[in-house]
Amino acid sequence: MSLRLYLIVAFGGTFLTYFAGKIAARLRNLLAVLVSLAVLVMTILMYGKPLEETLHFGLFNMPFVLRLNMLSWFFAITIAGIGFLAVIYSLRYMEHYER
């Protein structure tokens, strides 16, 4: 599993969830849960794998380095877990609000 795929799922899923909300609220809710669960599972699967990926951007080909070690994995799993629980909680909490 690559860190690039992780970022694509996380950020791509947020945009997909936003546009799904324009179609139907139930689709948005389902997609929000699935994306946050996918990010949590992907974070769990990266356990113990020191990953490093370099991306080059811009005119001067500047490197952008993504690194994952055990400390950054711990923070990622904490944030992904709390994020998943927040999505679950917010769906029930926001049920009675109208747009």
PDB file of N, CA and C in Angstrom:
ATOM      1  N   MET A   1       0.850  -1.179   0.000  1.00  0.00           N
ATOM      2  CA  MET A   1       0.000   0.000   0.000  1.00  0.00           C
ATOM      3  C   MET A   1       0.894   1.239   0.000  1.00  0.00           C
ATOM      4  N   SER A   2       0.539   2.193  -0.809  1.00  0.00           N
ATOM      5  CA  SER A   2       1.363   3.391  -0.910  1.00  0.00           C
ATOM      6  C   SER A   2       0.696   4.560  -0.195  1.00  0.00           C
ATOM      7  N   LEU A   3       1.521   5.491   0.186  1.00  0.00           N
ATOM      8  CA  LEU A   3       1.003   6.695   0.835  1.00  0.00           C
ATOM      9  C   LEU A   3       0.227   7.556  -0.155  1.00  0.00           C
ATOM     10  N   ARG A   4       0.585   7.462  -1.417  1.00  0.00           N
ATOM     11  CA  ARG A   4      -0.128   8.213  -2.454  1.00  0.00           C
ATOM     12  C   ARG A   4      -1.576   7.734  -2.564  1.00  0.00           C
ATOM     13  N   LEU A   5      -1.778   6.414  -2.530  1.00  0.00           N
ATOM     14  CA  LEU A   5      -3.127   5.846  -2.570  1.00  0.00           C
ATOM     15  C   LEU A   5      -3.931   6.271  -1.343  1.00  0.00           C
ATOM     16  N   TYR A   6      -3.265   6.308  -0.199  1.00  0.00           N
ATOM     17  CA  TYR A   6      -3.899   6.743   1.045  1.00  0.00           C
ATOM     18  C   TYR A   6      -4.433   8.175   0.912  1.00  0.00           C
ATOM     19  N   LEU A   7      -3.633   9.053   0.352  1.00  0.00           N
ATOM     20  CA  LEU A   7      -4.056  10.443   0.170  1.00  0.00           C
ATOM     21  C   LEU A   7      -5.170  10.565  -0.861  1.00  0.00           C
ATOM     22  N   ILE A   8      -5.097   9.758  -1.916  1.00  0.00           N
ATOM     23  CA  ILE A   8      -6.147   9.795  -2.939  1.00  0.00           C
ATOM     24  C   ILE A   8      -7.482   9.362  -2.356  1.00  0.00           C
ATOM     25  N   VAL A   9      -7.477   8.297  -1.560  1.00  0.00           N
ATOM     26  CA  VAL A   9      -8.724   7.825  -0.942  1.00  0.00           C
ATOM     27  C   VAL A   9      -9.258   8.864   0.035  1.00  0.00           C
ATOM     28  N   ALA A  10      -8.384   9.428   0.859  1.00  0.00           N
ATOM     29  CA  ALA A  10      -8.832  10.389   1.871  1.00  0.00           C
ATOM     30  C   ALA A  10      -9.381  11.672   1.244  1.00  0.00           C
ATOM     31  N   PHE A  11      -8.613  12.296   0.373  1.00  0.00           N
ATOM     32  CA  PHE A  11      -9.056  13.562  -0.202  1.00  0.00           C
ATOM     33  C   PHE A  11     -10.095  13.368  -1.299  1.00  0.00           C
ATOM     34  N   GLY A  12      -9.922  12.344  -2.113  1.00  0.00           N
ATOM     35  CA  GLY A  12     -10.914  12.056  -3.148  1.00  0.00           C
ATOM     36  C   GLY A  12     -12.263  11.697  -2.550  1.00  0.00           C
ATOM     37  N   GLY A  13     -12.237  10.968  -1.444  1.00  0.00           N
ATOM     38  CA  GLY A  13     -13.478  10.603  -0.770  1.00  0.00           C
ATOM     39  C   GLY A  13     -14.222  11.795  -0.207  1.00  0.00           C
ATOM     40  N   THR A  14     -13.488  12.796   0.248  1.00  0.00           N
ATOM     41  CA  THR A  14     -14.167  13.985   0.769  1.00  0.00           C
ATOM     42  C   THR A  14     -14.885  14.738  -0.344  1.00  0.00           C
ATOM     43  N   PHE A  15     -14.237  14.857  -1.500  1.00  0.00           N
ATOM     44  CA  PHE A  15     -14.896  15.533  -2.620  1.00  0.00           C
ATOM     45  C   PHE A  15     -16.086  14.731  -3.131  1.00  0.00           C
ATOM     46  N   LEU A  16     -15.944  13.417  -3.198  1.00  0.00           N
ATOM     47  CA  LEU A  16     -17.047  12.561  -3.624  1.00  0.00           C
ATOM     48  C   LEU A  16     -18.226  12.670  -2.662  1.00  0.00           C
ATOM     49  N   THR A  17     -17.930  12.716  -1.371  1.00  0.00           N
ATOM     50  CA  THR A  17     -18.986  12.842  -0.368  1.00  0.00           C
ATOM     51  C   THR A  17     -19.714  14.168  -0.512  1.00  0.00           C
ATOM     52  N   TYR A  18     -18.978  15.226  -0.769  1.00  0.00           N
ATOM     53  CA  TYR A  18     -19.603  16.535  -0.950  1.00  0.00           C
ATOM     54  C   TYR A  18     -20.558  16.521  -2.137  1.00  0.00           C
ATOM     55  N   PHE A  19     -20.102  15.994  -3.266  1.00  0.00           N
ATOM     56  CA  PHE A  19     -20.950  15.984  -4.457  1.00  0.00           C
ATOM     57  C   PHE A  19     -22.086  14.976  -4.341  1.00  0.00           C
ATOM     58  N   ALA A  20     -21.899  13.921  -3.580  1.00  0.00           N
ATOM     59  CA  ALA A  20     -22.991  12.970  -3.341  1.00  0.00           C
ATOM     60  C   ALA A  20     -24.086  13.624  -2.513  1.00  0.00           C
ATOM     61  N   GLY A  21     -23.728  14.576  -1.666  1.00  0.00           N
ATOM     62  CA  GLY A  21     -24.713  15.309  -0.880  1.00  0.00           C
ATOM     63  C   GLY A  21     -25.629  16.154  -1.736  1.00  0.00           C
ATOM     64  N   LYS A  22     -25.163  16.538  -2.909  1.00  0.00           N
ATOM     65  CA  LYS A  22     -26.007  17.295  -3.835  1.00  0.00           C
ATOM     66  C   LYS A  22     -27.075  16.402  -4.458  1.00  0.00           C
ATOM     67  N   ILE A  23     -26.813  15.090  -4.511  1.00  0.00           N
ATOM     68  CA  ILE A  23     -27.757  14.146  -5.111  1.00  0.00           C
ATOM     69  C   ILE A  23     -28.763  13.654  -4.080  1.00  0.00           C
ATOM     70  N   ALA A  24     -28.257  13.090  -2.978  1.00  0.00           N
ATOM     71  CA  ALA A  24     -29.149  12.542  -1.954  1.00  0.00           C
ATOM     72  C   ALA A  24     -28.426  12.502  -0.615  1.00  0.00           C
ATOM     73  N   ALA A  25     -29.165  12.801   0.447  1.00  0.00           N
ATOM     74  CA  ALA A  25     -28.576  12.831   1.787  1.00  0.00           C
ATOM     75  C   ALA A  25     -28.158  11.436   2.245  1.00  0.00           C
ATOM     76  N   ARG A  26     -28.942  10.431   1.915  1.00  0.00           N
ATOM     77  CA  ARG A  26     -28.603   9.061   2.333  1.00  0.00           C
ATOM     78  C   ARG A  26     -27.330   8.569   1.639  1.00  0.00           C
ATOM     79  N   LEU A  27     -27.172   8.933   0.382  1.00  0.00           N
ATOM     80  CA  LEU A  27     -25.959   8.570  -0.349  1.00  0.00           C
ATOM     81  C   LEU A  27     -24.748   9.252   0.271  1.00  0.00           C
ATOM     82  N   ARG A  28     -24.907  10.519   0.616  1.00  0.00           N
ATOM     83  CA  ARG A  28     -23.822  11.261   1.272  1.00  0.00           C
ATOM     84  C   ARG A  28     -23.436  10.601   2.584  1.00  0.00           C
ATOM     85  N   ASN A  29     -24.428  10.232   3.391  1.00  0.00           N
ATOM     86  CA  ASN A  29     -24.151   9.614   4.683  1.00  0.00           C
ATOM     87  C   ASN A  29     -23.438   8.275   4.521  1.00  0.00           C
ATOM     88  N   LEU A  30     -23.917   7.467   3.587  1.00  0.00           N
ATOM     89  CA  LEU A  30     -23.294   6.166   3.345  1.00  0.00           C
ATOM     90  C   LEU A  30     -21.863   6.328   2.864  1.00  0.00           C
ATOM     91  N   LEU A  31     -21.653   7.250   1.952  1.00  0.00           N
ATOM     92  CA  LEU A  31     -20.313   7.472   1.418  1.00  0.00           C
ATOM     93  C   LEU A  31     -19.369   8.024   2.492  1.00  0.00           C
ATOM     94  N   ALA A  32     -19.865   8.886   3.365  1.00  0.00           N
ATOM     95  CA  ALA A  32     -19.034   9.426   4.444  1.00  0.00           C
ATOM     96  C   ALA A  32     -18.567   8.313   5.374  1.00  0.00           C
ATOM     97  N   VAL A  33     -19.466   7.405   5.710  1.00  0.00           N
ATOM     98  CA  VAL A  33     -19.093   6.288   6.580  1.00  0.00           C
ATOM     99  C   VAL A  33     -18.096   5.370   5.878  1.00  0.00           C
ATOM    100  N   LEU A  34     -18.345   5.064   4.614  1.00  0.00           N
ATOM    101  CA  LEU A  34     -17.454   4.158   3.880  1.00  0.00           C
ATOM    102  C   LEU A  34     -16.057   4.746   3.688  1.00  0.00           C
ATOM    103  N   VAL A  35     -15.988   6.029   3.389  1.00  0.00           N
ATOM    104  CA  VAL A  35     -14.677   6.662   3.190  1.00  0.00           C
ATOM    105  C   VAL A  35     -13.905   6.714   4.501  1.00  0.00           C
ATOM    106  N   SER A  36     -14.567   7.094   5.588  1.00  0.00           N
ATOM    107  CA  SER A  36     -13.859   7.155   6.869  1.00  0.00           C
ATOM    108  C   SER A  36     -13.457   5.759   7.336  1.00  0.00           C
ATOM    109  N   LEU A  37     -14.282   4.753   7.063  1.00  0.00           N
ATOM    110  CA  LEU A  37     -13.916   3.379   7.400  1.00  0.00           C
ATOM    111  C   LEU A  37     -12.745   2.904   6.538  1.00  0.00           C
ATOM    112  N   ALA A  38     -12.746   3.255   5.266  1.00  0.00           N
ATOM    113  CA  ALA A  38     -11.639   2.876   4.377  1.00  0.00           C
ATOM    114  C   ALA A  38     -10.327   3.498   4.840  1.00  0.00           C
ATOM    115  N   VAL A  39     -10.373   4.753   5.251  1.00  0.00           N
ATOM    116  CA  VAL A  39      -9.163   5.418   5.745  1.00  0.00           C
ATOM    117  C   VAL A  39      -8.677   4.744   7.025  1.00  0.00           C
ATOM    118  N   LEU A  40      -9.597   4.378   7.907  1.00  0.00           N
ATOM    119  CA  LEU A  40      -9.223   3.696   9.145  1.00  0.00           C
ATOM    120  C   LEU A  40      -8.593   2.338   8.846  1.00  0.00           C
ATOM    121  N   VAL A  41      -9.194   1.571   7.958  1.00  0.00           N
ATOM    122  CA  VAL A  41      -8.657   0.245   7.612  1.00  0.00           C
ATOM    123  C   VAL A  41      -7.300   0.369   6.926  1.00  0.00           C
ATOM    124  N   MET A  42      -7.166   1.332   6.027  1.00  0.00           N
ATOM    125  CA  MET A  42      -5.879   1.527   5.357  1.00  0.00           C
ATOM    126  C   MET A  42      -4.794   1.918   6.355  1.00  0.00           C
ATOM    127  N   THR A  43      -5.149   2.704   7.355  1.00  0.00           N
ATOM    128  CA  THR A  43      -4.188   3.093   8.379  1.00  0.00           C
ATOM    129  C   THR A  43      -3.773   1.885   9.206  1.00  0.00           C
ATOM    130  N   ILE A  44      -4.734   1.041   9.557  1.00  0.00           N
ATOM    131  CA  ILE A  44      -4.416  -0.164  10.324  1.00  0.00           C
ATOM    132  C   ILE A  44      -3.496  -1.083   9.520  1.00  0.00           C
ATOM    133  N   LEU A  45      -3.749  -1.214   8.230  1.00  0.00           N
ATOM    134  CA  LEU A  45      -2.942  -2.101   7.386  1.00  0.00           C
ATOM    135  C   LEU A  45      -1.509  -1.608   7.185  1.00  0.00           C
ATOM    136  N   MET A  46      -1.250  -0.340   7.451  1.00  0.00           N
ATOM    137  CA  MET A  46       0.101   0.195   7.293  1.00  0.00           C
ATOM    138  C   MET A  46       0.969  -0.029   8.525  1.00  0.00           C
ATOM    139  N   TYR A  47       0.455  -0.756   9.515  1.00  0.00           N
ATOM    140  CA  TYR A  47       1.193  -0.981  10.761  1.00  0.00           C
ATOM    141  C   TYR A  47       2.522  -1.692  10.496  1.00  0.00           C
ATOM    142  N   GLY A  48       3.572  -1.156  11.066  1.00  0.00           N
ATOM    143  CA  GLY A  48       4.877  -1.797  11.010  1.00  0.00           C
ATOM    144  C   GLY A  48       5.606  -1.688   9.692  1.00  0.00           C
ATOM    145  N   LYS A  49       5.088  -0.935   8.765  1.00  0.00           N
ATOM    146  CA  LYS A  49       5.729  -0.792   7.462  1.00  0.00           C
ATOM    147  C   LYS A  49       6.295   0.620   7.337  1.00  0.00           C
ATOM    148  N   PRO A  50       7.590   0.777   7.493  1.00  0.00           N
ATOM    149  CA  PRO A  50       8.155   2.116   7.297  1.00  0.00           C
ATOM    150  C   PRO A  50       8.093   2.483   5.813  1.00  0.00           C
ATOM    151  N   LEU A  51       7.302   3.460   5.506  1.00  0.00           N
ATOM    152  CA  LEU A  51       7.095   3.861   4.113  1.00  0.00           C
ATOM    153  C   LEU A  51       7.676   5.243   3.869  1.00  0.00           C
ATOM    154  N   GLU A  52       8.181   5.436   2.676  1.00  0.00           N
ATOM    155  CA  GLU A  52       8.647   6.755   2.259  1.00  0.00           C
ATOM    156  C   GLU A  52       8.353   6.907   0.777  1.00  0.00           C
ATOM    157  N   GLU A  53       7.793   8.030   0.442  1.00  0.00           N
ATOM    158  CA  GLU A  53       7.452   8.295  -0.950  1.00  0.00           C
ATOM    159  C   GLU A  53       7.789   9.743  -1.265  1.00  0.00           C
ATOM    160  N   THR A  54       8.402   9.969  -2.405  1.00  0.00           N
ATOM    161  CA  THR A  54       8.786  11.313  -2.816  1.00  0.00           C
ATOM    162  C   THR A  54       7.975  11.718  -4.037  1.00  0.00           C
ATOM    163  N   LEU A  55       7.358  12.873  -3.942  1.00  0.00           N
ATOM    164  CA  LEU A  55       6.603  13.445  -5.054  1.00  0.00           C
ATOM    165  C   LEU A  55       7.322  14.716  -5.490  1.00  0.00           C
ATOM    166  N   HIS A  56       7.377  14.953  -6.781  1.00  0.00           N
ATOM    167  CA  HIS A  56       8.042  16.152  -7.300  1.00  0.00           C
ATOM    168  C   HIS A  56       6.997  17.080  -7.906  1.00  0.00           C
ATOM    169  N   PHE A  57       7.042  18.346  -7.486  1.00  0.00           N
ATOM    170  CA  PHE A  57       6.070  19.338  -7.928  1.00  0.00           C
ATOM    171  C   PHE A  57       6.772  20.578  -8.449  1.00  0.00           C
ATOM    172  N   GLY A  58       6.048  21.307  -9.251  1.00  0.00           N
ATOM    173  CA  GLY A  58       6.447  22.653  -9.610  1.00  0.00           C
ATOM    174  C   GLY A  58       7.461  22.765 -10.727  1.00  0.00           C
ATOM    175  N   LEU A  59       7.768  24.003 -11.006  1.00  0.00           N
ATOM    176  CA  LEU A  59       8.683  24.346 -12.083  1.00  0.00           C
ATOM    177  C   LEU A  59      10.101  23.865 -11.796  1.00  0.00           C
ATOM    178  N   PHE A  60      10.515  23.960 -10.541  1.00  0.00           N
ATOM    179  CA  PHE A  60      11.882  23.600 -10.176  1.00  0.00           C
ATOM    180  C   PHE A  60      12.002  22.157  -9.706  1.00  0.00           C
ATOM    181  N   ASN A  61      10.929  21.372  -9.863  1.00  0.00           N
ATOM    182  CA  ASN A  61      10.945  19.953  -9.514  1.00  0.00           C
ATOM    183  C   ASN A  61      11.312  19.734  -8.045  1.00  0.00           C
ATOM    184  N   MET A  62      10.694  20.529  -7.179  1.00  0.00           N
ATOM    185  CA  MET A  62      10.958  20.443  -5.746  1.00  0.00           C
ATOM    186  C   MET A  62      10.380  19.153  -5.177  1.00  0.00           C
ATOM    187  N   PRO A  63      11.147  18.447  -4.344  1.00  0.00           N
ATOM    188  CA  PRO A  63      10.638  17.194  -3.779  1.00  0.00           C
ATOM    189  C   PRO A  63       9.699  17.444  -2.596  1.00  0.00           C
ATOM    190  N   PHE A  64       8.674  16.622  -2.509  1.00  0.00           N
ATOM    191  CA  PHE A  64       7.736  16.617  -1.386  1.00  0.00           C
ATOM    192  C   PHE A  64       7.765  15.196  -0.841  1.00  0.00           C
ATOM    193  N   VAL A  65       8.335  15.015   0.350  1.00  0.00           N
ATOM    194  CA  VAL A  65       8.570  13.678   0.890  1.00  0.00           C
ATOM    195  C   VAL A  65       7.504  13.343   1.924  1.00  0.00           C
ATOM    196  N   LEU A  66       6.869  12.187   1.740  1.00  0.00           N
ATOM    197  CA  LEU A  66       5.920  11.644   2.705  1.00  0.00           C
ATOM    198  C   LEU A  66       6.593  10.472   3.404  1.00  0.00           C
ATOM    199  N   ARG A  67       6.615  10.500   4.733  1.00  0.00           N
ATOM    200  CA  ARG A  67       7.242   9.420   5.494  1.00  0.00           C
ATOM    201  C   ARG A  67       6.259   8.898   6.527  1.00  0.00           C
ATOM    202  N   LEU A  68       6.302   7.592   6.748  1.00  0.00           N
ATOM    203  CA  LEU A  68       5.478   6.968   7.777  1.00  0.00           C
ATOM    204  C   LEU A  68       6.377   6.090   8.636  1.00  0.00           C
ATOM    205  N   ASN A  69       6.503   6.457   9.910  1.00  0.00           N
ATOM    206  CA  ASN A  69       7.204   5.616  10.871  1.00  0.00           C
ATOM    207  C   ASN A  69       6.211   5.258  11.981  1.00  0.00           C
ATOM    208  N   MET A  70       6.658   4.633  13.039  1.00  0.00           N
ATOM    209  CA  MET A  70       5.725   4.167  14.066  1.00  0.00           C
ATOM    210  C   MET A  70       5.045   5.324  14.812  1.00  0.00           C
ATOM    211  N   LEU A  71       5.754   6.405  15.044  1.00  0.00           N
ATOM    212  CA  LEU A  71       5.139   7.539  15.727  1.00  0.00           C
ATOM    213  C   LEU A  71       4.078   8.196  14.851  1.00  0.00           C
ATOM    214  N   SER A  72       4.388   8.410  13.591  1.00  0.00           N
ATOM    215  CA  SER A  72       3.386   9.010  12.702  1.00  0.00           C
ATOM    216  C   SER A  72       2.221   8.055  12.475  1.00  0.00           C
ATOM    217  N   TRP A  73       2.480   6.733  12.477  1.00  0.00           N
ATOM    218  CA  TRP A  73       1.387   5.760  12.367  1.00  0.00           C
ATOM    219  C   TRP A  73       0.477   5.845  13.584  1.00  0.00           C
ATOM    220  N   PHE A  74       1.055   5.989  14.774  1.00  0.00           N
ATOM    221  CA  PHE A  74       0.251   6.096  15.993  1.00  0.00           C
ATOM    222  C   PHE A  74      -0.683   7.305  15.921  1.00  0.00           C
ATOM    223  N   PHE A  75      -0.168   8.432  15.495  1.00  0.00           N
ATOM    224  CA  PHE A  75      -1.014   9.615  15.374  1.00  0.00           C
ATOM    225  C   PHE A  75      -2.049   9.443  14.264  1.00  0.00           C
ATOM    226  N   ALA A  76      -1.665   8.809  13.170  1.00  0.00           N
ATOM    227  CA  ALA A  76      -2.611   8.581  12.071  1.00  0.00           C
ATOM    228  C   ALA A  76      -3.742   7.660  12.500  1.00  0.00           C
ATOM    229  N   ILE A  77      -3.443   6.592  13.246  1.00  0.00           N
ATOM    230  CA  ILE A  77      -4.490   5.671  13.684  1.00  0.00           C
ATOM    231  C   ILE A  77      -5.390   6.346  14.713  1.00  0.00           C
ATOM    232  N   THR A  78      -4.827   7.191  15.555  1.00  0.00           N
ATOM    233  CA  THR A  78      -5.636   7.924  16.529  1.00  0.00           C
ATOM    234  C   THR A  78      -6.593   8.876  15.820  1.00  0.00           C
ATOM    235  N   ILE A  79      -6.094   9.632  14.876  1.00  0.00           N
ATOM    236  CA  ILE A  79      -6.921  10.596  14.152  1.00  0.00           C
ATOM    237  C   ILE A  79      -7.956   9.891  13.284  1.00  0.00           C
ATOM    238  N   ALA A  80      -7.565   8.811  12.612  1.00  0.00           N
ATOM    239  CA  ALA A  80      -8.516   8.075  11.767  1.00  0.00           C
ATOM    240  C   ALA A  80      -9.615   7.435  12.609  1.00  0.00           C
ATOM    241  N   GLY A  81      -9.256   6.906  13.767  1.00  0.00           N
ATOM    242  CA  GLY A  81     -10.255   6.299  14.652  1.00  0.00           C
ATOM    243  C   GLY A  81     -11.233   7.320  15.197  1.00  0.00           C
ATOM    244  N   ILE A  82     -10.721   8.442  15.666  1.00  0.00           N
ATOM    245  CA  ILE A  82     -11.594   9.500  16.180  1.00  0.00           C
ATOM    246  C   ILE A  82     -12.433  10.088  15.046  1.00  0.00           C
ATOM    247  N   GLY A  83     -11.850  10.223  13.870  1.00  0.00           N
ATOM    248  CA  GLY A  83     -12.608  10.721  12.719  1.00  0.00           C
ATOM    249  C   GLY A  83     -13.751   9.806  12.341  1.00  0.00           C
ATOM    250  N   PHE A  84     -13.514   8.495  12.357  1.00  0.00           N
ATOM    251  CA  PHE A  84     -14.576   7.532  12.051  1.00  0.00           C
ATOM    252  C   PHE A  84     -15.698   7.630  13.080  1.00  0.00           C
ATOM    253  N   LEU A  85     -15.341   7.701  14.354  1.00  0.00           N
ATOM    254  CA  LEU A  85     -16.360   7.824  15.398  1.00  0.00           C
ATOM    255  C   LEU A  85     -17.119   9.146  15.289  1.00  0.00           C
ATOM    256  N   ALA A  86     -16.436  10.214  14.900  1.00  0.00           N
ATOM    257  CA  ALA A  86     -17.101  11.509  14.734  1.00  0.00           C
ATOM    258  C   ALA A  86     -18.099  11.477  13.588  1.00  0.00           C
ATOM    259  N   VAL A  87     -17.770  10.775  12.512  1.00  0.00           N
ATOM    260  CA  VAL A  87     -18.706  10.650  11.386  1.00  0.00           C
ATOM    261  C   VAL A  87     -19.950   9.898  11.825  1.00  0.00           C
ATOM    262  N   ILE A  88     -19.765   8.792  12.536  1.00  0.00           N
ATOM    263  CA  ILE A  88     -20.905   8.006  13.016  1.00  0.00           C
ATOM    264  C   ILE A  88     -21.783   8.851  13.938  1.00  0.00           C
ATOM    265  N   TYR A  89     -21.157   9.570  14.872  1.00  0.00           N
ATOM    266  CA  TYR A  89     -21.907  10.390  15.818  1.00  0.00           C
ATOM    267  C   TYR A  89     -22.633  11.529  15.105  1.00  0.00           C
ATOM    268  N   SER A  90     -21.969  12.169  14.166  1.00  0.00           N
ATOM    269  CA  SER A  90     -22.560  13.346  13.525  1.00  0.00           C
ATOM    270  C   SER A  90     -23.769  12.993  12.670  1.00  0.00           C
ATOM    271  N   LEU A  91     -23.802  11.797  12.118  1.00  0.00           N
ATOM    272  CA  LEU A  91     -24.963  11.399  11.317  1.00  0.00           C
ATOM    273  C   LEU A  91     -26.225  11.388  12.165  1.00  0.00           C
ATOM    274  N   ARG A  92     -26.133  10.831  13.341  1.00  0.00           N
ATOM    275  CA  ARG A  92     -27.291  10.772  14.239  1.00  0.00           C
ATOM    276  C   ARG A  92     -27.602  12.167  14.804  1.00  0.00           C
ATOM    277  N   TYR A  93     -26.572  12.918  15.134  1.00  0.00           N
ATOM    278  CA  TYR A  93     -26.753  14.229  15.748  1.00  0.00           C
ATOM    279  C   TYR A  93     -27.417  15.214  14.790  1.00  0.00           C
ATOM    280  N   MET A  94     -27.056  15.162  13.508  1.00  0.00           N
ATOM    281  CA  MET A  94     -27.554  16.130  12.535  1.00  0.00           C
ATOM    282  C   MET A  94     -28.847  15.687  11.851  1.00  0.00           C
ATOM    283  N   GLU A  95     -29.444  14.569  12.288  1.00  0.00           N
ATOM    284  CA  GLU A  95     -30.648  14.050  11.648  1.00  0.00           C
ATOM    285  C   GLU A  95     -31.809  15.038  11.637  1.00  0.00           C
ATOM    286  N   HIS A  96     -31.999  15.765  12.713  1.00  0.00           N
ATOM    287  CA  HIS A  96     -33.180  16.618  12.823  1.00  0.00           C
ATOM    288  C   HIS A  96     -32.985  18.028  12.260  1.00  0.00           C
ATOM    289  N   TYR A  97     -31.812  18.330  11.730  1.00  0.00           N
ATOM    290  CA  TYR A  97     -31.579  19.646  11.136  1.00  0.00           C
ATOM    291  C   TYR A  97     -31.941  19.625   9.657  1.00  0.00           C
ATOM    292  N   GLU A  98     -32.601  20.661   9.206  1.00  0.00           N
ATOM    293  CA  GLU A  98     -32.955  20.809   7.789  1.00  0.00           C
ATOM    294  C   GLU A  98     -31.901  21.658   7.104  1.00  0.00           C
ATOM    295  N   ARG A  99     -31.724  21.456   5.822  1.00  0.00           N
ATOM    296  CA  ARG A  99     -30.799  22.290   5.044  1.00  0.00           C
ATOM    297  C   ARG A  99     -31.480  23.537   4.591  1.00  0.00           C
TER     298      ARG A  99
END
